[in-house]
Amino acid sequence: MAERITDKPRTLKELSCFYQVSTKTFKGWLRCNALREIRPENGYYYSIASVKAIVQHLGEP
């Protein structure tokens, strides 16, 4: 069974790899008005709910 992006909390690097862009580009995408409130929890990991919100806004990688 293939791993889905929303299966577990993800780091910025993991998310940028899923979307095949640099971490710098992905950070720019997160600065849009719809995603501005999304921040990593514990400093590194985006929660499953945050990852789902990102995928909903940006679409499936």
C-alpha atoms as a PDB file:
ATOM      1  CA  MET A   1       0.000   0.000   0.000  1.00  0.00           C
ATOM      2  CA  ALA A   2       1.419   3.368  -1.011  1.00  0.00           C
ATOM      3  CA  GLU A   3       2.038   5.946   1.672  1.00  0.00           C
ATOM      4  CA  ARG A   4      -0.209   9.006   1.473  1.00  0.00           C
ATOM      5  CA  ILE A   5       1.010  12.472   2.344  1.00  0.00           C
ATOM      6  CA  THR A   6      -1.718  12.921   4.978  1.00  0.00           C
ATOM      7  CA  ASP A   7      -0.938   9.700   6.873  1.00  0.00           C
ATOM      8  CA  LYS A   8       1.303  11.309   9.503  1.00  0.00           C
ATOM      9  CA  PRO A   9       2.800  14.648  10.601  1.00  0.00           C
ATOM     10  CA  ARG A  10       5.368  15.945   8.071  1.00  0.00           C
ATOM     11  CA  THR A  11       8.396  18.204   8.062  1.00  0.00           C
ATOM     12  CA  LEU A  12       8.873  21.079   5.642  1.00  0.00           C
ATOM     13  CA  LYS A  13      11.457  19.006   3.754  1.00  0.00           C
ATOM     14  CA  GLU A  14       9.085  16.043   3.384  1.00  0.00           C
ATOM     15  CA  LEU A  15       6.281  18.285   2.120  1.00  0.00           C
ATOM     16  CA  SER A  16       8.550  20.050  -0.374  1.00  0.00           C
ATOM     17  CA  CYS A  17       9.799  16.672  -1.643  1.00  0.00           C
ATOM     18  CA  PHE A  18       6.203  15.494  -2.163  1.00  0.00           C
ATOM     19  CA  TYR A  19       5.540  18.596  -4.273  1.00  0.00           C
ATOM     20  CA  GLN A  20       8.969  18.351  -5.972  1.00  0.00           C
ATOM     21  CA  VAL A  21      10.018  21.931  -5.173  1.00  0.00           C
ATOM     22  CA  SER A  22      12.722  23.434  -2.978  1.00  0.00           C
ATOM     23  CA  THR A  23      12.016  24.195   0.662  1.00  0.00           C
ATOM     24  CA  LYS A  24      12.429  27.897  -0.127  1.00  0.00           C
ATOM     25  CA  THR A  25       9.705  27.724  -2.809  1.00  0.00           C
ATOM     26  CA  PHE A  26       7.423  25.740  -0.501  1.00  0.00           C
ATOM     27  CA  LYS A  27       7.846  28.316   2.281  1.00  0.00           C
ATOM     28  CA  GLY A  28       6.774  30.961  -0.242  1.00  0.00           C
ATOM     29  CA  TRP A  29       3.648  28.956  -1.035  1.00  0.00           C
ATOM     30  CA  LEU A  30       2.807  28.802   2.680  1.00  0.00           C
ATOM     31  CA  ARG A  31       2.887  32.613   2.861  1.00  0.00           C
ATOM     32  CA  CYS A  32      -0.314  32.935   0.801  1.00  0.00           C
ATOM     33  CA  ASN A  33      -3.342  34.324   2.655  1.00  0.00           C
ATOM     34  CA  ALA A  34      -5.161  30.974   2.818  1.00  0.00           C
ATOM     35  CA  LEU A  35      -2.225  29.157   4.460  1.00  0.00           C
ATOM     36  CA  ARG A  36      -0.685  32.011   6.460  1.00  0.00           C
ATOM     37  CA  GLU A  37      -1.958  30.637   9.805  1.00  0.00           C
ATOM     38  CA  ILE A  38      -0.393  27.204   9.329  1.00  0.00           C
ATOM     39  CA  ARG A  39       2.740  26.779  11.420  1.00  0.00           C
ATOM     40  CA  PRO A  40       4.735  23.689  12.351  1.00  0.00           C
ATOM     41  CA  GLU A  41       4.034  22.261  15.781  1.00  0.00           C
ATOM     42  CA  ASN A  42       6.980  21.531  18.071  1.00  0.00           C
ATOM     43  CA  GLY A  43       9.149  23.589  15.733  1.00  0.00           C
ATOM     44  CA  TYR A  44       9.506  21.011  12.959  1.00  0.00           C
ATOM     45  CA  TYR A  45       6.429  18.924  12.206  1.00  0.00           C
ATOM     46  CA  TYR A  46       3.204  20.076  10.570  1.00  0.00           C
ATOM     47  CA  SER A  47       0.231  18.295  12.156  1.00  0.00           C
ATOM     48  CA  ILE A  48      -1.950  15.944  10.148  1.00  0.00           C
ATOM     49  CA  ALA A  49      -4.709  18.594  10.122  1.00  0.00           C
ATOM     50  CA  SER A  50      -2.241  21.184   8.815  1.00  0.00           C
ATOM     51  CA  VAL A  51      -0.998  18.803   6.111  1.00  0.00           C
ATOM     52  CA  LYS A  52      -4.596  18.137   5.058  1.00  0.00           C
ATOM     53  CA  ALA A  53      -5.254  21.898   4.841  1.00  0.00           C
ATOM     54  CA  ILE A  54      -2.124  22.352   2.708  1.00  0.00           C
ATOM     55  CA  VAL A  55      -3.104  19.507   0.363  1.00  0.00           C
ATOM     56  CA  GLN A  56      -6.655  20.842   0.111  1.00  0.00           C
ATOM     57  CA  HIS A  57      -5.364  24.280  -0.914  1.00  0.00           C
ATOM     58  CA  LEU A  58      -2.461  23.211  -3.150  1.00  0.00           C
ATOM     59  CA  GLY A  59      -3.966  19.990  -4.498  1.00  0.00           C
ATOM     60  CA  GLU A  60      -2.519  16.491  -4.520  1.00  0.00           C
ATOM     61  CA  PRO A  61       1.203  16.371  -5.276  1.00  0.00           C
END
